[in-house]
Amino acid sequence: EREMGARQVLYIYDIEIDPAFRGRGLGRAAMLLAEEQARAR
């Protein structure tokens, strides 16, 4: 949780899907879970 431009944001410092698991929609799904985290906060 960070303040940017006088607004509270959820900042993603790092998102990484291991190379062996890429191309399966896991990055997209993880980003959607990040959205859930933001809404929960």
Full PDB file with SEQRES, HELIX, SHEET, SSBOND, CRYST1, ORIGX, SCALE, CONECT and MASTER records, all heavy atoms in Angstrom:
SEQRES   1 A   41  GLU ARG GLU MET GLY ALA ARG GLN VAL LEU TYR ILE TYR          
SEQRES   2 A   41  ASP ILE GLU ILE ASP PRO ALA PHE ARG GLY ARG GLY LEU          
SEQRES   3 A   41  GLY ARG ALA ALA MET LEU LEU ALA GLU GLU GLN ALA ARG          
SEQRES   4 A   41  ALA ARG                                                      
HELIX    1 AA1 PRO A   19  PHE A   21  5                                   3    
HELIX    2 AA2 LEU A   26  ALA A   40  1                                  15    
SHEET    1 AA1 2 ARG A   2  MET A   4  0                                        
SHEET    2 AA1 2 ARG A   7  VAL A   9 -1                                        
CRYST1    1.000    1.000    1.000  90.00  90.00  90.00 P 1           1          
ORIGX1      1.000000  0.000000  0.000000        0.00000                         
ORIGX2      0.000000  1.000000  0.000000        0.00000                         
ORIGX3      0.000000  0.000000  1.000000        0.00000                         
SCALE1      1.000000  0.000000  0.000000        0.00000                         
SCALE2      0.000000  1.000000  0.000000        0.00000                         
SCALE3      0.000000  0.000000  1.000000        0.00000                         
ATOM      1  N   GLU A   1       0.861  -1.170   0.000  1.00  0.00           N  
ATOM      2  CA  GLU A   1       0.000   0.000   0.000  1.00  0.00           C  
ATOM      3  C   GLU A   1       0.903   1.227   0.000  1.00  0.00           C  
ATOM      4  O   GLU A   1       1.789   1.340   0.844  1.00  0.00           O  
ATOM      5  CB  GLU A   1      -0.902  -0.010   1.229  1.00  0.00           C  
ATOM      6  CG  GLU A   1      -1.844  -1.193   1.254  1.00  0.00           C  
ATOM      7  CD  GLU A   1      -2.691  -1.271   2.505  1.00  0.00           C  
ATOM      8  OE1 GLU A   1      -3.014  -0.207   3.088  1.00  0.00           O  
ATOM      9  OE2 GLU A   1      -3.022  -2.390   2.909  1.00  0.00           O  
ATOM     10  N   ARG A   2       0.690   2.119  -0.980  1.00  0.00           N  
ATOM     11  CA  ARG A   2       1.517   3.320  -1.116  1.00  0.00           C  
ATOM     12  C   ARG A   2       0.645   4.513  -1.438  1.00  0.00           C  
ATOM     13  O   ARG A   2      -0.440   4.365  -1.998  1.00  0.00           O  
ATOM     14  CB  ARG A   2       2.517   3.168  -2.263  1.00  0.00           C  
ATOM     15  CG  ARG A   2       3.641   2.231  -2.000  1.00  0.00           C  
ATOM     16  CD  ARG A   2       4.616   2.125  -3.128  1.00  0.00           C  
ATOM     17  NE  ARG A   2       5.020   3.397  -3.699  1.00  0.00           N  
ATOM     18  CZ  ARG A   2       5.840   3.523  -4.745  1.00  0.00           C  
ATOM     19  NH1 ARG A   2       6.335   2.447  -5.315  1.00  0.00           N  
ATOM     20  NH2 ARG A   2       6.162   4.702  -5.226  1.00  0.00           N  
ATOM     21  N   GLU A   3       1.164   5.666  -1.107  1.00  0.00           N  
ATOM     22  CA  GLU A   3       0.513   6.894  -1.539  1.00  0.00           C  
ATOM     23  C   GLU A   3       1.268   7.416  -2.754  1.00  0.00           C  
ATOM     24  O   GLU A   3       2.488   7.564  -2.725  1.00  0.00           O  
ATOM     25  CB  GLU A   3       0.524   7.944  -0.432  1.00  0.00           C  
ATOM     26  CG  GLU A   3      -0.316   9.148  -0.785  1.00  0.00           C  
ATOM     27  CD  GLU A   3      -0.503  10.099   0.372  1.00  0.00           C  
ATOM     28  OE1 GLU A   3      -0.812   9.634   1.476  1.00  0.00           O  
ATOM     29  OE2 GLU A   3      -0.324  11.312   0.142  1.00  0.00           O  
ATOM     30  N   MET A   4       0.520   7.653  -3.808  1.00  0.00           N  
ATOM     31  CA  MET A   4       1.102   8.179  -5.048  1.00  0.00           C  
ATOM     32  C   MET A   4       0.196   9.285  -5.555  1.00  0.00           C  
ATOM     33  O   MET A   4      -0.986   9.041  -5.805  1.00  0.00           O  
ATOM     34  CB  MET A   4       1.233   7.070  -6.102  1.00  0.00           C  
ATOM     35  CG  MET A   4       2.178   5.952  -5.707  1.00  0.00           C  
ATOM     36  SD  MET A   4       2.255   4.617  -6.931  1.00  0.00           S  
ATOM     37  CE  MET A   4       3.242   5.425  -8.193  1.00  0.00           C  
ATOM     38  N   GLY A   5       0.743  10.479  -5.678  1.00  0.00           N  
ATOM     39  CA  GLY A   5      -0.060  11.595  -6.175  1.00  0.00           C  
ATOM     40  C   GLY A   5      -1.242  11.888  -5.288  1.00  0.00           C  
ATOM     41  O   GLY A   5      -2.336  12.124  -5.782  1.00  0.00           O  
ATOM     42  N   ALA A   6      -1.051  11.852  -3.974  1.00  0.00           N  
ATOM     43  CA  ALA A   6      -2.104  12.116  -2.980  1.00  0.00           C  
ATOM     44  C   ALA A   6      -3.248  11.099  -3.062  1.00  0.00           C  
ATOM     45  O   ALA A   6      -4.369  11.388  -2.685  1.00  0.00           O  
ATOM     46  CB  ALA A   6      -2.631  13.547  -3.103  1.00  0.00           C  
ATOM     47  N   ARG A   7      -2.936   9.916  -3.568  1.00  0.00           N  
ATOM     48  CA  ARG A   7      -3.946   8.862  -3.682  1.00  0.00           C  
ATOM     49  C   ARG A   7      -3.360   7.543  -3.192  1.00  0.00           C  
ATOM     50  O   ARG A   7      -2.215   7.219  -3.488  1.00  0.00           O  
ATOM     51  CB  ARG A   7      -4.354   8.733  -5.140  1.00  0.00           C  
ATOM     52  CG  ARG A   7      -5.454   7.755  -5.378  1.00  0.00           C  
ATOM     53  CD  ARG A   7      -5.891   7.794  -6.822  1.00  0.00           C  
ATOM     54  NE  ARG A   7      -6.988   6.870  -7.027  1.00  0.00           N  
ATOM     55  CZ  ARG A   7      -7.529   6.622  -8.184  1.00  0.00           C  
ATOM     56  NH1 ARG A   7      -7.102   7.239  -9.266  1.00  0.00           N  
ATOM     57  NH2 ARG A   7      -8.510   5.766  -8.301  1.00  0.00           N  
ATOM     58  N   GLN A   8      -4.148   6.793  -2.463  1.00  0.00           N  
ATOM     59  CA  GLN A   8      -3.712   5.484  -1.986  1.00  0.00           C  
ATOM     60  C   GLN A   8      -3.810   4.473  -3.124  1.00  0.00           C  
ATOM     61  O   GLN A   8      -4.851   4.388  -3.790  1.00  0.00           O  
ATOM     62  CB  GLN A   8      -4.584   5.038  -0.799  1.00  0.00           C  
ATOM     63  CG  GLN A   8      -4.046   3.889  -0.023  1.00  0.00           C  
ATOM     64  CD  GLN A   8      -2.805   4.229   0.791  1.00  0.00           C  
ATOM     65  OE1 GLN A   8      -2.398   5.371   0.906  1.00  0.00           O  
ATOM     66  NE2 GLN A   8      -2.182   3.231   1.371  1.00  0.00           N  
ATOM     67  N   VAL A   9      -2.726   3.746  -3.365  1.00  0.00           N  
ATOM     68  CA  VAL A   9      -2.714   2.734  -4.412  1.00  0.00           C  
ATOM     69  C   VAL A   9      -2.153   1.437  -3.862  1.00  0.00           C  
ATOM     70  O   VAL A   9      -1.439   1.428  -2.860  1.00  0.00           O  
ATOM     71  CB  VAL A   9      -1.882   3.161  -5.656  1.00  0.00           C  
ATOM     72  CG1 VAL A   9      -2.392   4.455  -6.243  1.00  0.00           C  
ATOM     73  CG2 VAL A   9      -0.415   3.243  -5.327  1.00  0.00           C  
ATOM     74  N   LEU A  10      -2.483   0.354  -4.520  1.00  0.00           N  
ATOM     75  CA  LEU A  10      -1.821  -0.917  -4.265  1.00  0.00           C  
ATOM     76  C   LEU A  10      -0.741  -1.010  -5.329  1.00  0.00           C  
ATOM     77  O   LEU A  10      -1.032  -1.019  -6.529  1.00  0.00           O  
ATOM     78  CB  LEU A  10      -2.789  -2.094  -4.380  1.00  0.00           C  
ATOM     79  CG  LEU A  10      -2.149  -3.425  -3.977  1.00  0.00           C  
ATOM     80  CD1 LEU A  10      -2.084  -3.510  -2.453  1.00  0.00           C  
ATOM     81  CD2 LEU A  10      -2.922  -4.583  -4.539  1.00  0.00           C  
ATOM     82  N   TYR A  11       0.508  -1.030  -4.886  1.00  0.00           N  
ATOM     83  CA  TYR A  11       1.634  -1.050  -5.807  1.00  0.00           C  
ATOM     84  C   TYR A  11       2.162  -2.470  -5.924  1.00  0.00           C  
ATOM     85  O   TYR A  11       2.410  -3.130  -4.919  1.00  0.00           O  
ATOM     86  CB  TYR A  11       2.740  -0.110  -5.315  1.00  0.00           C  
ATOM     87  CG  TYR A  11       3.785   0.139  -6.372  1.00  0.00           C  
ATOM     88  CD1 TYR A  11       3.588   1.106  -7.347  1.00  0.00           C  
ATOM     89  CD2 TYR A  11       4.952  -0.612  -6.402  1.00  0.00           C  
ATOM     90  CE1 TYR A  11       4.531   1.324  -8.337  1.00  0.00           C  
ATOM     91  CE2 TYR A  11       5.898  -0.399  -7.397  1.00  0.00           C  
ATOM     92  CZ  TYR A  11       5.683   0.571  -8.350  1.00  0.00           C  
ATOM     93  OH  TYR A  11       6.616   0.771  -9.333  1.00  0.00           O  
ATOM     94  N   ILE A  12       2.329  -2.925  -7.152  1.00  0.00           N  
ATOM     95  CA  ILE A  12       2.890  -4.250  -7.389  1.00  0.00           C  
ATOM     96  C   ILE A  12       4.390  -4.083  -7.605  1.00  0.00           C  
ATOM     97  O   ILE A  12       4.821  -3.538  -8.625  1.00  0.00           O  
ATOM     98  CB  ILE A  12       2.230  -4.942  -8.598  1.00  0.00           C  
ATOM     99  CG1 ILE A  12       0.738  -5.141  -8.322  1.00  0.00           C  
ATOM    100  CG2 ILE A  12       2.931  -6.264  -8.902  1.00  0.00           C  
ATOM    101  CD1 ILE A  12      -0.042  -5.729  -9.474  1.00  0.00           C  
ATOM    102  N   TYR A  13       5.156  -4.524  -6.623  1.00  0.00           N  
ATOM    103  CA  TYR A  13       6.611  -4.453  -6.727  1.00  0.00           C  
ATOM    104  C   TYR A  13       7.172  -5.596  -7.562  1.00  0.00           C  
ATOM    105  O   TYR A  13       8.178  -5.428  -8.245  1.00  0.00           O  
ATOM    106  CB  TYR A  13       7.264  -4.498  -5.339  1.00  0.00           C  
ATOM    107  CG  TYR A  13       7.302  -3.157  -4.665  1.00  0.00           C  
ATOM    108  CD1 TYR A  13       6.335  -2.797  -3.735  1.00  0.00           C  
ATOM    109  CD2 TYR A  13       8.297  -2.239  -4.971  1.00  0.00           C  
ATOM    110  CE1 TYR A  13       6.372  -1.558  -3.117  1.00  0.00           C  
ATOM    111  CE2 TYR A  13       8.337  -1.004  -4.358  1.00  0.00           C  
ATOM    112  CZ  TYR A  13       7.371  -0.666  -3.431  1.00  0.00           C  
ATOM    113  OH  TYR A  13       7.411   0.559  -2.826  1.00  0.00           O  
ATOM    114  N   ASP A  14       6.551  -6.743  -7.471  1.00  0.00           N  
ATOM    115  CA  ASP A  14       7.095  -7.897  -8.180  1.00  0.00           C  
ATOM    116  C   ASP A  14       5.976  -8.891  -8.424  1.00  0.00           C  
ATOM    117  O   ASP A  14       5.202  -9.214  -7.519  1.00  0.00           O  
ATOM    118  CB  ASP A  14       8.201  -8.554  -7.343  1.00  0.00           C  
ATOM    119  CG  ASP A  14       9.029  -9.567  -8.106  1.00  0.00           C  
ATOM    120  OD1 ASP A  14       8.883  -9.692  -9.335  1.00  0.00           O  
ATOM    121  OD2 ASP A  14       9.854 -10.246  -7.465  1.00  0.00           O  
ATOM    122  N   ILE A  15       5.880  -9.325  -9.651  1.00  0.00           N  
ATOM    123  CA  ILE A  15       5.022 -10.459  -9.988  1.00  0.00           C  
ATOM    124  C   ILE A  15       5.830 -11.305 -10.949  1.00  0.00           C  
ATOM    125  O   ILE A  15       6.375 -10.802 -11.928  1.00  0.00           O  
ATOM    126  CB  ILE A  15       3.661 -10.050 -10.585  1.00  0.00           C  
ATOM    127  CG1 ILE A  15       2.848 -11.314 -10.923  1.00  0.00           C  
ATOM    128  CG2 ILE A  15       3.819  -9.111 -11.758  1.00  0.00           C  
ATOM    129  CD1 ILE A  15       1.398 -11.074 -11.189  1.00  0.00           C  
ATOM    130  N   GLU A  16       5.948 -12.557 -10.635  1.00  0.00           N  
ATOM    131  CA  GLU A  16       6.784 -13.451 -11.433  1.00  0.00           C  
ATOM    132  C   GLU A  16       6.147 -14.830 -11.444  1.00  0.00           C  
ATOM    133  O   GLU A  16       5.830 -15.374 -10.386  1.00  0.00           O  
ATOM    134  CB  GLU A  16       8.186 -13.533 -10.828  1.00  0.00           C  
ATOM    135  CG  GLU A  16       9.134 -14.425 -11.570  1.00  0.00           C  
ATOM    136  CD  GLU A  16       9.747 -13.768 -12.805  1.00  0.00           C  
ATOM    137  OE1 GLU A  16       9.718 -12.543 -12.910  1.00  0.00           O  
ATOM    138  OE2 GLU A  16      10.259 -14.514 -13.662  1.00  0.00           O  
ATOM    139  N   ILE A  17       5.957 -15.349 -12.626  1.00  0.00           N  
ATOM    140  CA  ILE A  17       5.537 -16.738 -12.776  1.00  0.00           C  
ATOM    141  C   ILE A  17       6.772 -17.503 -13.246  1.00  0.00           C  
ATOM    142  O   ILE A  17       7.459 -17.075 -14.181  1.00  0.00           O  
ATOM    143  CB  ILE A  17       4.375 -16.888 -13.783  1.00  0.00           C  
ATOM    144  CG1 ILE A  17       3.149 -16.077 -13.330  1.00  0.00           C  
ATOM    145  CG2 ILE A  17       4.021 -18.364 -13.994  1.00  0.00           C  
ATOM    146  CD1 ILE A  17       2.563 -16.471 -11.980  1.00  0.00           C  
ATOM    147  N   ASP A  18       7.062 -18.607 -12.594  1.00  0.00           N  
ATOM    148  CA  ASP A  18       8.244 -19.389 -12.946  1.00  0.00           C  
ATOM    149  C   ASP A  18       8.174 -19.784 -14.422  1.00  0.00           C  
ATOM    150  O   ASP A  18       7.100 -20.135 -14.933  1.00  0.00           O  
ATOM    151  CB  ASP A  18       8.342 -20.634 -12.066  1.00  0.00           C  
ATOM    152  CG  ASP A  18       8.505 -20.303 -10.596  1.00  0.00           C  
ATOM    153  OD1 ASP A  18       9.023 -19.207 -10.273  1.00  0.00           O  
ATOM    154  OD2 ASP A  18       8.108 -21.130  -9.754  1.00  0.00           O  
ATOM    155  N   PRO A  19       9.320 -19.737 -15.119  1.00  0.00           N  
ATOM    156  CA  PRO A  19       9.329 -20.005 -16.571  1.00  0.00           C  
ATOM    157  C   PRO A  19       8.631 -21.303 -16.981  1.00  0.00           C  
ATOM    158  O   PRO A  19       7.947 -21.328 -18.010  1.00  0.00           O  
ATOM    159  CB  PRO A  19      10.822 -20.043 -16.907  1.00  0.00           C  
ATOM    160  CG  PRO A  19      11.454 -19.133 -15.897  1.00  0.00           C  
ATOM    161  CD  PRO A  19      10.658 -19.356 -14.630  1.00  0.00           C  
ATOM    162  N   ALA A  20       8.747 -22.347 -16.200  1.00  0.00           N  
ATOM    163  CA  ALA A  20       8.130 -23.631 -16.566  1.00  0.00           C  
ATOM    164  C   ALA A  20       6.600 -23.572 -16.566  1.00  0.00           C  
ATOM    165  O   ALA A  20       5.952 -24.445 -17.128  1.00  0.00           O  
ATOM    166  CB  ALA A  20       8.603 -24.730 -15.608  1.00  0.00           C  
ATOM    167  N   PHE A  21       6.029 -22.543 -15.942  1.00  0.00           N  
ATOM    168  CA  PHE A  21       4.574 -22.450 -15.816  1.00  0.00           C  
ATOM    169  C   PHE A  21       3.972 -21.311 -16.636  1.00  0.00           C  
ATOM    170  O   PHE A  21       2.774 -21.065 -16.560  1.00  0.00           O  
ATOM    171  CB  PHE A  21       4.188 -22.286 -14.345  1.00  0.00           C  
ATOM    172  CG  PHE A  21       4.575 -23.458 -13.504  1.00  0.00           C  
ATOM    173  CD1 PHE A  21       5.746 -23.426 -12.742  1.00  0.00           C  
ATOM    174  CD2 PHE A  21       3.800 -24.593 -13.470  1.00  0.00           C  
ATOM    175  CE1 PHE A  21       6.117 -24.511 -11.967  1.00  0.00           C  
ATOM    176  CE2 PHE A  21       4.163 -25.689 -12.700  1.00  0.00           C  
ATOM    177  CZ  PHE A  21       5.325 -25.640 -11.957  1.00  0.00           C  
ATOM    178  N   ARG A  22       4.779 -20.623 -17.400  1.00  0.00           N  
ATOM    179  CA  ARG A  22       4.276 -19.491 -18.184  1.00  0.00           C  
ATOM    180  C   ARG A  22       3.444 -19.977 -19.365  1.00  0.00           C  
ATOM    181  O   ARG A  22       3.561 -21.104 -19.804  1.00  0.00           O  
ATOM    182  CB  ARG A  22       5.444 -18.629 -18.668  1.00  0.00           C  
ATOM    183  CG  ARG A  22       6.117 -17.923 -17.520  1.00  0.00           C  
ATOM    184  CD  ARG A  22       7.237 -17.037 -17.966  1.00  0.00           C  
ATOM    185  NE  ARG A  22       7.931 -16.531 -16.794  1.00  0.00           N  
ATOM    186  CZ  ARG A  22       9.144 -16.050 -16.808  1.00  0.00           C  
ATOM    187  NH1 ARG A  22       9.818 -15.980 -17.943  1.00  0.00           N  
ATOM    188  NH2 ARG A  22       9.700 -15.619 -15.688  1.00  0.00           N  
ATOM    189  N   GLY A  23       2.594 -19.074 -19.843  1.00  0.00           N  
ATOM    190  CA  GLY A  23       1.769 -19.390 -21.005  1.00  0.00           C  
ATOM    191  C   GLY A  23       0.506 -20.149 -20.665  1.00  0.00           C  
ATOM    192  O   GLY A  23      -0.175 -20.646 -21.566  1.00  0.00           O  
ATOM    193  N   ARG A  24       0.172 -20.244 -19.394  1.00  0.00           N  
ATOM    194  CA  ARG A  24      -1.021 -20.993 -18.966  1.00  0.00           C  
ATOM    195  C   ARG A  24      -2.089 -20.098 -18.329  1.00  0.00           C  
ATOM    196  O   ARG A  24      -3.028 -20.601 -17.744  1.00  0.00           O  
ATOM    197  CB  ARG A  24      -0.619 -22.061 -17.952  1.00  0.00           C  
ATOM    198  CG  ARG A  24       0.399 -23.042 -18.474  1.00  0.00           C  
ATOM    199  CD  ARG A  24       0.771 -24.045 -17.418  1.00  0.00           C  
ATOM    200  NE  ARG A  24       1.941 -24.813 -17.837  1.00  0.00           N  
ATOM    201  CZ  ARG A  24       2.487 -25.759 -17.113  1.00  0.00           C  
ATOM    202  NH1 ARG A  24       1.992 -26.069 -15.933  1.00  0.00           N  
ATOM    203  NH2 ARG A  24       3.544 -26.409 -17.556  1.00  0.00           N  
ATOM    204  N   GLY A  25      -1.894 -18.789 -18.377  1.00  0.00           N  
ATOM    205  CA  GLY A  25      -2.865 -17.874 -17.790  1.00  0.00           C  
ATOM    206  C   GLY A  25      -2.638 -17.607 -16.309  1.00  0.00           C  
ATOM    207  O   GLY A  25      -3.460 -16.957 -15.670  1.00  0.00           O  
ATOM    208  N   LEU A  26      -1.532 -18.074 -15.767  1.00  0.00           N  
ATOM    209  CA  LEU A  26      -1.277 -17.896 -14.332  1.00  0.00           C  
ATOM    210  C   LEU A  26      -0.943 -16.452 -13.978  1.00  0.00           C  
ATOM    211  O   LEU A  26      -1.342 -15.961 -12.913  1.00  0.00           O  
ATOM    212  CB  LEU A  26      -0.162 -18.835 -13.871  1.00  0.00           C  
ATOM    213  CG  LEU A  26      -0.460 -20.324 -14.035  1.00  0.00           C  
ATOM    214  CD1 LEU A  26       0.785 -21.158 -13.775  1.00  0.00           C  
ATOM    215  CD2 LEU A  26      -1.595 -20.751 -13.123  1.00  0.00           C  
ATOM    216  N   GLY A  27      -0.220 -15.757 -14.852  1.00  0.00           N  
ATOM    217  CA  GLY A  27       0.076 -14.352 -14.602  1.00  0.00           C  
ATOM    218  C   GLY A  27      -1.191 -13.518 -14.579  1.00  0.00           C  
ATOM    219  O   GLY A  27      -1.389 -12.681 -13.706  1.00  0.00           O  
ATOM    220  N   ARG A  28      -2.074 -13.771 -15.534  1.00  0.00           N  
ATOM    221  CA  ARG A  28      -3.362 -13.069 -15.574  1.00  0.00           C  
ATOM    222  C   ARG A  28      -4.161 -13.356 -14.306  1.00  0.00           C  
ATOM    223  O   ARG A  28      -4.702 -12.443 -13.674  1.00  0.00           O  
ATOM    224  CB  ARG A  28      -4.160 -13.516 -16.802  1.00  0.00           C  
ATOM    225  CG  ARG A  28      -5.593 -12.993 -16.837  1.00  0.00           C  
ATOM    226  CD  ARG A  28      -6.289 -13.405 -18.123  1.00  0.00           C  
ATOM    227  NE  ARG A  28      -5.637 -12.837 -19.279  1.00  0.00           N  
ATOM    228  CZ  ARG A  28      -5.788 -11.577 -19.690  1.00  0.00           C  
ATOM    229  NH1 ARG A  28      -6.599 -10.773 -19.040  1.00  0.00           N  
ATOM    230  NH2 ARG A  28      -5.155 -11.128 -20.745  1.00  0.00           N  
ATOM    231  N   ALA A  29      -4.216 -14.615 -13.917  1.00  0.00           N  
ATOM    232  CA  ALA A  29      -4.965 -14.982 -12.714  1.00  0.00           C  
ATOM    233  C   ALA A  29      -4.361 -14.332 -11.473  1.00  0.00           C  
ATOM    234  O   ALA A  29      -5.089 -13.861 -10.593  1.00  0.00           O  
ATOM    235  CB  ALA A  29      -5.001 -16.506 -12.567  1.00  0.00           C  
ATOM    236  N   ALA A  30      -3.032 -14.266 -11.406  1.00  0.00           N  
ATOM    237  CA  ALA A  30      -2.382 -13.625 -10.259  1.00  0.00           C  
ATOM    238  C   ALA A  30      -2.691 -12.129 -10.225  1.00  0.00           C  
ATOM    239  O   ALA A  30      -2.904 -11.552  -9.150  1.00  0.00           O  
ATOM    240  CB  ALA A  30      -0.878 -13.868 -10.304  1.00  0.00           C  
ATOM    241  N   MET A  31      -2.732 -11.499 -11.386  1.00  0.00           N  
ATOM    242  CA  MET A  31      -3.081 -10.075 -11.434  1.00  0.00           C  
ATOM    243  C   MET A  31      -4.519  -9.850 -10.970  1.00  0.00           C  
ATOM    244  O   MET A  31      -4.812  -8.860 -10.297  1.00  0.00           O  
ATOM    245  CB  MET A  31      -2.880  -9.530 -12.850  1.00  0.00           C  
ATOM    246  CG  MET A  31      -1.431  -9.419 -13.266  1.00  0.00           C  
ATOM    247  SD  MET A  31      -0.460  -8.278 -12.246  1.00  0.00           S  
ATOM    248  CE  MET A  31      -1.232  -6.718 -12.688  1.00  0.00           C  
ATOM    249  N   LEU A  32      -5.405 -10.774 -11.301  1.00  0.00           N  
ATOM    250  CA  LEU A  32      -6.790 -10.650 -10.823  1.00  0.00           C  
ATOM    251  C   LEU A  32      -6.860 -10.826  -9.315  1.00  0.00           C  
ATOM    252  O   LEU A  32      -7.669 -10.169  -8.641  1.00  0.00           O  
ATOM    253  CB  LEU A  32      -7.688 -11.648 -11.554  1.00  0.00           C  
ATOM    254  CG  LEU A  32      -7.854 -11.374 -13.058  1.00  0.00           C  
ATOM    255  CD1 LEU A  32      -8.605 -12.519 -13.728  1.00  0.00           C  
ATOM    256  CD2 LEU A  32      -8.521 -10.034 -13.303  1.00  0.00           C  
ATOM    257  N   LEU A  33      -6.010 -11.673  -8.758  1.00  0.00           N  
ATOM    258  CA  LEU A  33      -5.955 -11.801  -7.297  1.00  0.00           C  
ATOM    259  C   LEU A  33      -5.377 -10.545  -6.661  1.00  0.00           C  
ATOM    260  O   LEU A  33      -5.783 -10.169  -5.556  1.00  0.00           O  
ATOM    261  CB  LEU A  33      -5.145 -13.036  -6.891  1.00  0.00           C  
ATOM    262  CG  LEU A  33      -5.824 -14.372  -7.154  1.00  0.00           C  
ATOM    263  CD1 LEU A  33      -4.892 -15.529  -6.775  1.00  0.00           C  
ATOM    264  CD2 LEU A  33      -7.142 -14.489  -6.409  1.00  0.00           C  
ATOM    265  N   ALA A  34      -4.464  -9.876  -7.338  1.00  0.00           N  
ATOM    266  CA  ALA A  34      -3.959  -8.591  -6.841  1.00  0.00           C  
ATOM    267  C   ALA A  34      -5.106  -7.583  -6.783  1.00  0.00           C  
ATOM    268  O   ALA A  34      -5.204  -6.800  -5.829  1.00  0.00           O  
ATOM    269  CB  ALA A  34      -2.820  -8.080  -7.722  1.00  0.00           C  
ATOM    270  N   GLU A  35      -5.980  -7.623  -7.776  1.00  0.00           N  
ATOM    271  CA  GLU A  35      -7.152  -6.744  -7.749  1.00  0.00           C  
ATOM    272  C   GLU A  35      -8.038  -7.043  -6.539  1.00  0.00           C  
ATOM    273  O   GLU A  35      -8.554  -6.129  -5.895  1.00  0.00           O  
ATOM    274  CB  GLU A  35      -7.958  -6.883  -9.042  1.00  0.00           C  
ATOM    275  CG  GLU A  35      -7.271  -6.305 -10.244  1.00  0.00           C  
ATOM    276  CD  GLU A  35      -8.097  -6.430 -11.525  1.00  0.00           C  
ATOM    277  OE1 GLU A  35      -9.330  -6.683 -11.444  1.00  0.00           O  
ATOM    278  OE2 GLU A  35      -7.502  -6.275 -12.612  1.00  0.00           O  
ATOM    279  N   GLU A  36      -8.207  -8.326  -6.233  1.00  0.00           N  
ATOM    280  CA  GLU A  36      -8.979  -8.695  -5.034  1.00  0.00           C  
ATOM    281  C   GLU A  36      -8.317  -8.145  -3.776  1.00  0.00           C  
ATOM    282  O   GLU A  36      -8.999  -7.687  -2.864  1.00  0.00           O  
ATOM    283  CB  GLU A  36      -9.099 -10.218  -4.911  1.00  0.00           C  
ATOM    284  CG  GLU A  36     -10.092 -10.844  -5.831  1.00  0.00           C  
ATOM    285  CD  GLU A  36     -10.278 -12.328  -5.536  1.00  0.00           C  
ATOM    286  OE1 GLU A  36      -9.916 -12.792  -4.431  1.00  0.00           O  
ATOM    287  OE2 GLU A  36     -10.790 -13.019  -6.421  1.00  0.00           O  
ATOM    288  N   GLN A  37      -6.999  -8.211  -3.720  1.00  0.00           N  
ATOM    289  CA  GLN A  37      -6.270  -7.674  -2.573  1.00  0.00           C  
ATOM    290  C   GLN A  37      -6.528  -6.179  -2.437  1.00  0.00           C  
ATOM    291  O   GLN A  37      -6.738  -5.679  -1.333  1.00  0.00           O  
ATOM    292  CB  GLN A  37      -4.763  -7.947  -2.704  1.00  0.00           C  
ATOM    293  CG  GLN A  37      -4.369  -9.386  -2.505  1.00  0.00           C  
ATOM    294  CD  GLN A  37      -4.549  -9.815  -1.072  1.00  0.00           C  
ATOM    295  OE1 GLN A  37      -4.188  -9.114  -0.137  1.00  0.00           O  
ATOM    296  NE2 GLN A  37      -5.134 -10.984  -0.882  1.00  0.00           N  
ATOM    297  N   ALA A  38      -6.499  -5.454  -3.542  1.00  0.00           N  
ATOM    298  CA  ALA A  38      -6.757  -4.015  -3.508  1.00  0.00           C  
ATOM    299  C   ALA A  38      -8.165  -3.737  -2.994  1.00  0.00           C  
ATOM    300  O   ALA A  38      -8.358  -2.911  -2.093  1.00  0.00           O  
ATOM    301  CB  ALA A  38      -6.561  -3.404  -4.892  1.00  0.00           C  
ATOM    302  N   ARG A  39      -9.141  -4.429  -3.548  1.00  0.00           N  
ATOM    303  CA  ARG A  39     -10.530  -4.212  -3.117  1.00  0.00           C  
ATOM    304  C   ARG A  39     -10.715  -4.535  -1.640  1.00  0.00           C  
ATOM    305  O   ARG A  39     -11.411  -3.815  -0.926  1.00  0.00           O  
ATOM    306  CB  ARG A  39     -11.475  -5.058  -3.965  1.00  0.00           C  
ATOM    307  CG  ARG A  39     -11.658  -4.532  -5.360  1.00  0.00           C  
ATOM    308  CD  ARG A  39     -12.721  -5.335  -6.125  1.00  0.00           C  
ATOM    309  NE  ARG A  39     -12.684  -4.988  -7.521  1.00  0.00           N  
ATOM    310  CZ  ARG A  39     -12.048  -5.693  -8.458  1.00  0.00           C  
ATOM    311  NH1 ARG A  39     -11.430  -6.821  -8.151  1.00  0.00           N  
ATOM    312  NH2 ARG A  39     -12.055  -5.288  -9.715  1.00  0.00           N  
ATOM    313  N   ALA A  40     -10.087  -5.607  -1.176  1.00  0.00           N  
ATOM    314  CA  ALA A  40     -10.202  -5.990   0.239  1.00  0.00           C  
ATOM    315  C   ALA A  40      -9.625  -4.917   1.154  1.00  0.00           C  
ATOM    316  O   ALA A  40     -10.042  -4.792   2.307  1.00  0.00           O  
ATOM    317  CB  ALA A  40      -9.496  -7.334   0.479  1.00  0.00           C  
ATOM    318  N   ARG A  41      -8.680  -4.148   0.661  1.00  0.00           N  
ATOM    319  CA  ARG A  41      -8.052  -3.071   1.436  1.00  0.00           C  
ATOM    320  C   ARG A  41      -8.752  -1.732   1.220  1.00  0.00           C  
ATOM    321  O   ARG A  41      -8.318  -0.709   1.737  1.00  0.00           O  
ATOM    322  CB  ARG A  41      -6.582  -2.947   1.040  1.00  0.00           C  
ATOM    323  CG  ARG A  41      -5.728  -4.108   1.495  1.00  0.00           C  
ATOM    324  CD  ARG A  41      -4.359  -4.062   0.799  1.00  0.00           C  
ATOM    325  NE  ARG A  41      -3.378  -4.938   1.401  1.00  0.00           N  
ATOM    326  CZ  ARG A  41      -3.315  -6.241   1.248  1.00  0.00           C  
ATOM    327  NH1 ARG A  41      -4.227  -6.846   0.502  1.00  0.00           N  
ATOM    328  NH2 ARG A  41      -2.389  -6.956   1.830  1.00  0.00           N  
TER     329      ARG A  41                                                      
MASTER        0    0    0    2    2    0    0    6  328    1    0    4          
END                                                                             
